[in-house]
């Protein structure tokens, strides 16, 4: 018995030691491939958040390897926030809009007139994120702007591939626009809003509804560091910020492939730019090109790259990248011209920075009024930290 206990203890110690080494190895690997630029405010906090994310991913991978759960499901579980309970200033209710789960936040204070309405689509690379992960943010928007906020729990990849997330957001928005009177919302003041992948979905929904004649017109679209195209992962910001937490260049391509196909096949081709035929890239170059990005954003070591062609086999797997409902930056001018007033937020240390800059130019070139705000010390995902007591950043707030 004593021998058995000794063996068990040694096994457990070995497992714990191996686990620690594995986690430390992953952290060291990620650190060696990561960079926090000197312009980031409070870099130590960003390192801590990055370490937490790495540890969560490593534990998830271990659990997946021993057959307990998938890495994705574990990370989603860890992302879930503690239930916040009631809010003294808001009515909060979970509902279904056209089979899509939503959470509505309505100010309790009486209003002399109809309120604004905000459709909110959370970020998370179409793979992560939920109503719960953006709960505090949506509460803050509802309280501080005195708006009715609808947070949409759209289906996630890789279980639900494109266009599932887009369709859920579109259907939920249409339902809300058809029933505004139930929530005391002004039909002339409804906005779509989203961060990261949610910004992509907000832009796609806004474009689809722009030509609709049977619904109230959207008042505005609010795009918070959105990802808006999947043709070119070699724009200046993708290289300048390729190793800046919280979104590496490789992960950005990985997520959009998960959304499109439910897997990361052809990741190498997407990163090197050999997933889209040259003639198609040249056709879209008037919209997706470093030439359309102001020179001041290219000073951090950007070097132009040679266009690469691709095989028919690869393009067949990713050709839907060219659809505007996945890459809103590629929409026709006639669609862009009908879009509502827009707000775009970009961060200097974000791989998606140039997507926002290119879309800003497209909108302005087509006569759409744009309010652009650029966080000089911002990084991708910074808004998610605004409510943290000890890991918040001034720019996030």
Protein backbone atom coordinates (compact mmCIF):
# COMPACT_ATOMS: atom_id res chain seq x y z
CA UNK A 1 0.00 0.00 0.00
CA UNK A 2 2.82 2.38 0.93
CA UNK A 3 4.55 1.63 -2.36
CA UNK A 4 1.32 2.32 -4.26
CA UNK A 5 0.84 5.65 -2.49
CA UNK A 6 4.44 6.59 -3.19
CA UNK A 7 4.01 5.79 -6.89
CA UNK A 8 0.76 7.80 -6.99
CA UNK A 9 2.37 10.81 -5.30
CA UNK A 10 5.33 10.66 -7.66
CA UNK A 11 2.96 10.41 -10.62
CA UNK A 12 0.98 13.43 -9.45
CA UNK A 13 4.15 15.41 -8.80
CA UNK A 14 5.44 14.48 -12.23
CA UNK A 15 2.15 15.48 -13.83
CA UNK A 16 2.11 18.84 -12.03
CA UNK A 17 5.77 19.46 -12.90
CA UNK A 18 5.14 18.53 -16.52
CA UNK A 19 2.06 20.76 -16.61
CA UNK A 20 4.01 23.71 -15.20
CA UNK A 21 6.83 23.17 -17.69
CA UNK A 22 4.33 22.95 -20.54
CA UNK A 23 2.64 26.18 -19.50
CA UNK A 24 5.98 27.95 -18.99
CA UNK A 25 7.15 26.67 -22.36
CA UNK A 26 4.05 28.04 -24.03
CA UNK A 27 4.48 31.39 -22.27
CA UNK A 28 8.14 31.58 -23.30
CA UNK A 29 7.24 30.67 -26.88
CA UNK A 30 4.50 33.30 -27.01
CA UNK A 31 6.78 35.88 -25.42
CA UNK A 32 9.50 35.19 -27.96
CA UNK A 33 6.97 35.82 -30.73
CA UNK A 34 5.29 38.79 -29.06
CA UNK A 35 6.15 42.44 -28.79
CA UNK A 36 4.70 45.23 -26.70
CA UNK A 37 5.67 48.50 -28.38
CA UNK A 38 7.00 51.35 -26.24
CA UNK A 39 3.96 53.45 -27.15
CA UNK A 40 1.58 51.19 -25.20
CA UNK A 41 0.46 52.72 -21.91
CA UNK A 42 1.03 50.47 -18.87
CA UNK A 43 2.74 47.58 -20.73
CA UNK A 44 2.99 45.42 -17.60
CA UNK A 45 -0.80 45.16 -17.43
CA UNK A 46 -0.94 44.04 -21.04
CA UNK A 47 1.68 41.36 -20.29
CA UNK A 48 -0.42 40.07 -17.40
CA UNK A 49 -3.55 39.85 -19.55
CA UNK A 50 -1.52 38.10 -22.23
CA UNK A 51 -0.16 35.54 -19.74
CA UNK A 52 -3.68 34.80 -18.48
CA UNK A 53 -4.86 34.18 -22.04
CA UNK A 54 -1.89 31.91 -22.80
CA UNK A 55 -2.43 29.84 -19.64
CA UNK A 56 -6.12 29.46 -20.41
CA UNK A 57 -5.35 28.27 -23.95
CA UNK A 58 -2.67 25.81 -22.76
CA UNK A 59 -4.93 24.28 -20.10
CA UNK A 60 -7.67 24.00 -22.69
CA UNK A 61 -5.33 22.18 -25.05
CA UNK A 62 -4.29 19.74 -22.32
CA UNK A 63 -7.93 19.00 -21.49
CA UNK A 64 -8.63 18.47 -25.19
CA UNK A 65 -5.69 16.07 -25.54
CA UNK A 66 -6.86 13.92 -22.63
CA UNK A 67 -10.42 13.88 -23.93
CA UNK A 68 -12.23 15.96 -21.31
CA UNK A 69 -13.39 18.85 -23.52
CA UNK A 70 -12.29 20.88 -26.52
CA UNK A 71 -9.94 23.79 -26.13
CA UNK A 72 -12.55 26.13 -27.60
CA UNK A 73 -15.24 25.07 -25.13
CA UNK A 74 -12.84 25.47 -22.18
CA UNK A 75 -11.79 28.97 -23.24
CA UNK A 76 -15.45 29.92 -23.67
CA UNK A 77 -16.20 28.55 -20.22
CA UNK A 78 -13.39 30.60 -18.68
CA UNK A 79 -14.58 33.72 -20.47
CA UNK A 80 -18.00 33.59 -18.86
CA UNK A 81 -18.46 36.38 -16.39
CA UNK A 82 -19.97 36.00 -12.97
CA UNK A 83 -23.68 36.78 -13.11
CA UNK A 84 -23.96 40.44 -12.24
CA UNK A 85 -27.51 40.40 -10.92
CA UNK A 86 -29.87 43.32 -11.27
CA UNK A 87 -28.99 46.89 -12.13
CA UNK A 88 -30.66 49.73 -10.22
CA UNK A 89 -30.87 51.84 -13.39
CA UNK A 90 -31.80 49.21 -15.99
CA UNK A 91 -34.47 46.70 -16.85
CA UNK A 92 -32.63 43.65 -18.22
CA UNK A 93 -34.41 40.82 -20.01
CA UNK A 94 -33.42 37.78 -22.08
CA UNK A 95 -35.54 37.21 -25.17
CA UNK A 96 -35.45 35.54 -28.58
CA UNK A 97 -35.59 37.54 -31.81
CA UNK A 98 -36.31 35.19 -34.73
CA UNK A 99 -34.72 32.22 -32.93
CA UNK A 100 -31.69 34.34 -31.98
CA UNK A 101 -30.98 34.88 -28.25
CA UNK A 102 -30.75 38.53 -27.23
CA UNK A 103 -30.46 40.49 -24.02
CA UNK A 104 -32.22 43.84 -23.79
CA UNK A 105 -31.09 46.68 -21.52
CA UNK A 106 -33.69 49.43 -20.97
CA UNK A 107 -33.21 52.49 -18.74
CA UNK A 108 -35.69 52.52 -15.85
CA UNK A 109 -36.00 56.29 -15.65
CA UNK A 110 -39.05 57.65 -17.48
CA UNK A 111 -38.33 59.44 -20.74
CA UNK A 112 -40.27 62.34 -22.22
CA UNK A 113 -39.53 61.06 -25.71
CA UNK A 114 -38.61 57.87 -27.50
CA UNK A 115 -35.09 56.64 -26.81
CA UNK A 116 -32.20 55.68 -29.07
CA UNK A 117 -31.82 52.01 -29.95
CA UNK A 118 -28.49 50.19 -30.21
CA UNK A 119 -28.01 46.75 -31.73
CA UNK A 120 -24.75 45.43 -30.28
CA UNK A 121 -22.70 42.57 -31.76
CA UNK A 122 -19.88 41.31 -29.55
CA UNK A 123 -16.32 40.58 -30.68
CA UNK A 124 -14.28 37.41 -30.26
CA UNK A 125 -13.16 36.41 -33.75
CA UNK A 126 -16.55 34.79 -34.51
CA UNK A 127 -15.27 31.92 -32.30
CA UNK A 128 -15.35 33.39 -28.79
CA UNK A 129 -17.29 36.06 -26.95
CA UNK A 130 -20.91 36.09 -25.85
CA UNK A 131 -23.64 38.24 -24.36
CA UNK A 132 -22.00 37.62 -20.97
CA UNK A 133 -18.48 38.70 -21.98
CA UNK A 134 -19.84 42.10 -23.04
CA UNK A 135 -22.42 42.45 -20.29
CA UNK A 136 -20.75 45.32 -18.43
CA UNK A 137 -20.05 47.17 -21.67
CA UNK A 138 -23.66 46.96 -22.85
CA UNK A 139 -24.92 48.06 -19.42
CA UNK A 140 -22.59 51.05 -19.55
CA UNK A 141 -23.78 52.02 -23.05
CA UNK A 142 -27.43 51.78 -22.00
CA UNK A 143 -26.92 53.80 -18.81
CA UNK A 144 -24.59 56.50 -20.10
CA UNK A 145 -26.27 57.14 -23.45
CA UNK A 146 -29.81 56.59 -22.14
CA UNK A 147 -30.40 54.05 -24.89
CA UNK A 148 -32.18 50.75 -25.31
CA UNK A 149 -29.41 48.27 -26.06
CA UNK A 150 -29.96 44.84 -27.65
CA UNK A 151 -26.98 42.48 -27.30
CA UNK A 152 -27.08 39.61 -29.80
CA UNK A 153 -25.94 36.08 -28.95
CA UNK A 154 -25.20 34.97 -32.49
CA UNK A 155 -23.99 31.46 -33.37
CA UNK A 156 -20.24 30.88 -33.17
CA UNK A 157 -17.68 29.13 -35.36
CA UNK A 158 -16.34 26.55 -35.92
CA UNK A 159 -19.62 24.79 -35.09
CA UNK A 160 -21.59 27.29 -37.13
CA UNK A 161 -19.78 28.50 -40.22
CA UNK A 162 -20.31 31.66 -42.27
CA UNK A 163 -22.86 33.08 -42.86
CA UNK A 164 -24.50 31.91 -39.58
CA UNK A 165 -23.25 34.79 -37.42
CA UNK A 166 -24.12 37.37 -40.07
CA UNK A 167 -27.60 35.90 -40.60
CA UNK A 168 -28.32 35.89 -36.85
CA UNK A 169 -27.30 39.53 -36.48
CA UNK A 170 -29.28 40.54 -39.56
CA UNK A 171 -32.42 38.67 -38.49
CA UNK A 172 -32.27 40.03 -34.94
CA UNK A 173 -31.83 43.59 -36.24
CA UNK A 174 -34.74 43.24 -38.64
CA UNK A 175 -36.94 41.94 -35.83
CA UNK A 176 -36.00 44.88 -33.60
CA UNK A 177 -36.69 47.40 -36.37
CA UNK A 178 -40.13 45.84 -36.88
CA UNK A 179 -41.05 46.08 -33.17
CA UNK A 180 -39.46 49.34 -31.99
CA UNK A 181 -42.71 50.57 -30.47
CA UNK A 182 -42.63 47.75 -27.91
CA UNK A 183 -39.39 49.16 -26.47
CA UNK A 184 -40.08 52.86 -26.78
CA UNK A 185 -37.39 53.37 -29.41
CA UNK A 186 -37.34 56.19 -31.96
CA UNK A 187 -37.35 54.66 -35.50
CA UNK A 188 -35.07 57.49 -36.67
CA UNK A 189 -32.39 56.78 -34.04
CA UNK A 190 -31.36 53.13 -34.29
CA UNK A 191 -27.66 52.29 -34.47
CA UNK A 192 -25.72 49.08 -35.14
CA UNK A 193 -22.53 48.70 -33.12
CA UNK A 194 -19.81 46.08 -32.66
CA UNK A 195 -16.20 45.51 -31.69
CA UNK A 196 -13.69 43.47 -33.72
CA UNK A 197 -15.64 40.60 -35.36
CA UNK A 198 -18.75 42.36 -34.08
CA UNK A 199 -17.65 45.43 -36.04
CA UNK A 200 -17.46 43.23 -39.13
CA UNK A 201 -21.00 42.02 -38.49
CA UNK A 202 -22.28 45.55 -37.85
CA UNK A 203 -20.80 46.75 -41.14
CA UNK A 204 -22.28 43.80 -43.05
CA UNK A 205 -25.73 44.27 -41.50
CA UNK A 206 -25.62 48.01 -42.19
CA UNK A 207 -24.81 47.37 -45.85
CA UNK A 208 -27.61 44.83 -46.24
CA UNK A 209 -30.20 47.11 -44.65
CA UNK A 210 -29.03 50.18 -46.60
CA UNK A 211 -31.09 49.14 -49.59
CA UNK A 212 -34.14 48.05 -47.61
CA UNK A 213 -37.30 50.08 -48.20
CA UNK A 214 -39.63 48.26 -45.77
CA UNK A 215 -37.75 49.05 -42.55
CA UNK A 216 -36.62 52.23 -40.75
CA UNK A 217 -33.25 53.47 -41.96
CA UNK A 218 -30.36 53.02 -39.57
CA UNK A 219 -29.21 56.25 -37.96
CA UNK A 220 -25.55 55.22 -37.74
CA UNK A 221 -23.00 52.42 -37.60
CA UNK A 222 -20.38 52.29 -34.86
CA UNK A 223 -17.36 50.13 -35.74
CA UNK A 224 -14.84 49.51 -32.96
CA UNK A 225 -11.52 48.25 -34.43
CA UNK A 226 -13.41 46.17 -37.02
CA UNK A 227 -12.04 43.44 -39.28
CA UNK A 228 -13.39 44.26 -42.72
CA UNK A 229 -11.54 42.18 -45.30
CA UNK A 230 -9.74 38.86 -45.76
CA UNK A 231 -7.92 39.52 -49.03
CA UNK A 232 -4.71 41.01 -47.69
CA UNK A 233 -3.05 40.09 -44.38
CA UNK A 234 0.11 41.94 -45.45
CA UNK A 235 -1.10 45.51 -45.07
CA UNK A 236 1.24 47.71 -42.98
CA UNK A 237 -0.62 47.21 -39.69
CA UNK A 238 -0.57 43.41 -40.06
CA UNK A 239 3.22 43.43 -40.17
CA UNK A 240 3.91 46.30 -37.80
CA UNK A 241 1.69 44.75 -35.11
CA UNK A 242 2.01 41.08 -36.01
CA UNK A 243 3.21 40.13 -32.50
CA UNK A 244 1.34 42.69 -30.40
CA UNK A 245 -1.14 41.21 -27.91
CA UNK A 246 -4.01 40.65 -27.80
CA UNK A 247 -4.40 39.74 -31.49
CA UNK A 248 -1.47 38.32 -33.43
CA UNK A 249 -1.46 38.43 -37.23
CA UNK A 250 -1.63 34.62 -37.44
CA UNK A 251 -4.62 34.51 -35.08
CA UNK A 252 -6.51 37.07 -37.14
CA UNK A 253 -6.19 34.84 -40.21
CA UNK A 254 -6.93 31.73 -38.11
CA UNK A 255 -10.20 33.18 -36.82
CA UNK A 256 -11.53 34.27 -40.20
CA UNK A 257 -10.76 30.80 -41.60
CA UNK A 258 -12.62 29.22 -38.68
CA UNK A 259 -15.57 31.46 -39.48
CA UNK A 260 -15.46 30.66 -43.19
CA UNK A 261 -14.70 26.93 -43.26
CA UNK A 262 -14.76 25.71 -39.66
CA UNK A 263 -11.03 24.92 -39.81
CA UNK A 264 -7.68 26.64 -40.33
CA UNK A 265 -6.67 24.81 -43.50
CA UNK A 266 -4.79 27.05 -45.97
CA UNK A 267 -3.58 29.32 -43.15
CA UNK A 268 -0.11 29.55 -44.70
CA UNK A 269 -1.50 30.58 -48.09
CA UNK A 270 -3.73 33.21 -46.50
CA UNK A 271 -0.82 34.70 -44.55
CA UNK A 272 1.52 34.85 -47.54
CA UNK A 273 -1.23 36.20 -49.79
CA UNK A 274 -1.43 33.28 -52.20
CA UNK A 275 -5.10 32.48 -51.53
CA UNK A 276 -6.65 34.97 -53.98
CA UNK A 277 -5.85 35.08 -57.74
CA UNK A 278 -3.80 38.07 -58.84
CA UNK A 279 -6.46 39.35 -61.24
CA UNK A 280 -9.04 39.49 -58.44
CA UNK A 281 -6.61 41.21 -56.07
CA UNK A 282 -5.82 43.79 -58.77
CA UNK A 283 -9.55 44.32 -59.29
CA UNK A 284 -9.99 45.18 -55.62
CA UNK A 285 -6.69 47.07 -55.30
CA UNK A 286 -8.51 50.37 -55.71
CA UNK A 287 -10.02 49.66 -52.26
CA UNK A 288 -7.60 47.25 -50.54
CA UNK A 289 -4.12 48.64 -50.99
CA UNK A 290 -1.34 50.19 -48.89
CA UNK A 291 -1.50 53.09 -51.34
CA UNK A 292 -4.77 54.16 -49.70
CA UNK A 293 -3.22 54.31 -46.22
CA UNK A 294 -1.69 57.64 -45.11
CA UNK A 295 2.10 57.62 -45.13
CA UNK A 296 2.36 58.39 -41.41
CA UNK A 297 1.02 54.90 -40.69
CA UNK A 298 3.79 53.21 -42.68
CA UNK A 299 6.80 54.61 -40.84
CA UNK A 300 7.25 51.69 -38.41
CA UNK A 301 9.27 49.49 -40.74
CA UNK A 302 6.70 48.62 -43.40
CA UNK A 303 8.06 47.09 -46.62
CA UNK A 304 5.83 46.52 -49.68
CA UNK A 305 5.35 42.91 -50.77
CA UNK A 306 5.16 41.32 -54.22
CA UNK A 307 1.71 40.05 -55.26
CA UNK A 308 1.54 36.24 -55.31
CA UNK A 309 -0.85 34.17 -57.41
CA UNK A 310 -2.75 31.16 -56.10
CA UNK A 311 -3.92 27.76 -57.25
CA UNK A 312 -7.50 27.07 -58.29
CA UNK A 313 -7.76 24.47 -55.52
CA UNK A 314 -6.92 26.95 -52.77
CA UNK A 315 -9.17 29.69 -54.15
CA UNK A 316 -12.13 27.31 -54.32
CA UNK A 317 -11.88 26.86 -50.55
CA UNK A 318 -11.73 30.57 -49.70
CA UNK A 319 -13.48 32.33 -52.60
CA UNK A 320 -16.30 33.47 -50.32
CA UNK A 321 -13.77 35.84 -48.74
CA UNK A 322 -14.75 38.08 -51.65
CA UNK A 323 -18.38 38.34 -50.52
CA UNK A 324 -19.20 41.74 -48.96
CA UNK A 325 -21.17 40.07 -46.16
CA UNK A 326 -17.82 38.62 -45.01
CA UNK A 327 -15.54 41.39 -46.31
CA UNK A 328 -17.62 44.60 -46.16
CA UNK A 329 -14.70 46.61 -47.54
CA UNK A 330 -15.40 44.99 -50.93
CA UNK A 331 -19.00 46.23 -51.28
CA UNK A 332 -19.95 48.11 -54.44
CA UNK A 333 -19.93 51.91 -54.46
CA UNK A 334 -23.71 51.94 -54.91
CA UNK A 335 -24.04 50.14 -51.56
CA UNK A 336 -21.45 52.27 -49.77
CA UNK A 337 -23.19 55.46 -50.91
CA UNK A 338 -26.38 54.46 -49.09
CA UNK A 339 -24.73 53.84 -45.72
CA UNK A 340 -25.62 55.92 -42.66
CA UNK A 341 -23.33 58.25 -40.76
CA UNK A 342 -20.43 56.23 -39.35
CA UNK A 343 -18.09 56.16 -36.38
CA UNK A 344 -14.86 54.18 -36.72
CA UNK A 345 -12.39 53.58 -33.91
CA UNK A 346 -8.88 52.34 -34.71
CA UNK A 347 -5.89 51.50 -32.50
CA UNK A 348 -2.29 52.16 -33.50
CA UNK A 349 -1.02 48.83 -32.16
CA UNK A 350 -3.68 46.63 -33.78
CA UNK A 351 -3.34 44.35 -36.81
CA UNK A 352 -6.84 45.47 -37.87
CA UNK A 353 -5.94 49.17 -37.84
CA UNK A 354 -5.64 49.43 -41.62
CA UNK A 355 -8.99 47.74 -42.25
CA UNK A 356 -10.59 50.64 -40.41
CA UNK A 357 -8.45 53.23 -42.22
CA UNK A 358 -9.33 51.78 -45.64
CA UNK A 359 -13.04 51.69 -44.82
CA UNK A 360 -12.91 55.28 -43.58
CA UNK A 361 -11.51 56.33 -46.95
CA UNK A 362 -14.11 54.33 -48.88
CA UNK A 363 -16.95 55.89 -46.91
CA UNK A 364 -15.59 59.42 -47.26
CA UNK A 365 -14.91 58.97 -50.98
CA UNK A 366 -18.58 58.04 -51.40
CA UNK A 367 -19.94 60.98 -49.45
CA UNK A 368 -20.68 59.23 -46.15
CA UNK A 369 -20.02 61.31 -43.06
CA UNK A 370 -17.39 59.65 -40.84
CA UNK A 371 -16.28 60.38 -37.31
CA UNK A 372 -12.90 58.72 -36.83
CA UNK A 373 -11.16 58.30 -33.51
CA UNK A 374 -7.65 56.86 -33.32
CA UNK A 375 -6.13 55.61 -30.07
CA UNK A 376 -2.41 56.35 -30.40
CA UNK A 377 -1.59 54.01 -27.48
CA UNK A 378 -4.42 51.55 -28.12
CA UNK A 379 -4.23 47.83 -28.88
CA UNK A 380 -6.77 45.29 -30.06
CA UNK A 381 -9.34 44.35 -27.43
CA UNK A 382 -8.69 47.36 -25.21
CA UNK A 383 -12.39 48.14 -24.74
CA UNK A 384 -12.91 44.82 -22.94
CA UNK A 385 -10.77 46.06 -20.06
CA UNK A 386 -12.64 49.29 -19.39
CA UNK A 387 -14.57 47.86 -16.44
CA UNK A 388 -11.64 46.08 -14.78
CA UNK A 389 -10.61 47.38 -11.37
CA UNK A 390 -6.89 46.66 -11.74
CA UNK A 391 -6.32 45.70 -15.39
CA UNK A 392 -7.95 48.68 -17.04
CA UNK A 393 -6.27 51.17 -19.38
CA UNK A 394 -6.95 54.90 -19.77
CA UNK A 395 -7.67 54.45 -23.49
CA UNK A 396 -10.11 51.63 -22.76
CA UNK A 397 -12.08 53.83 -20.42
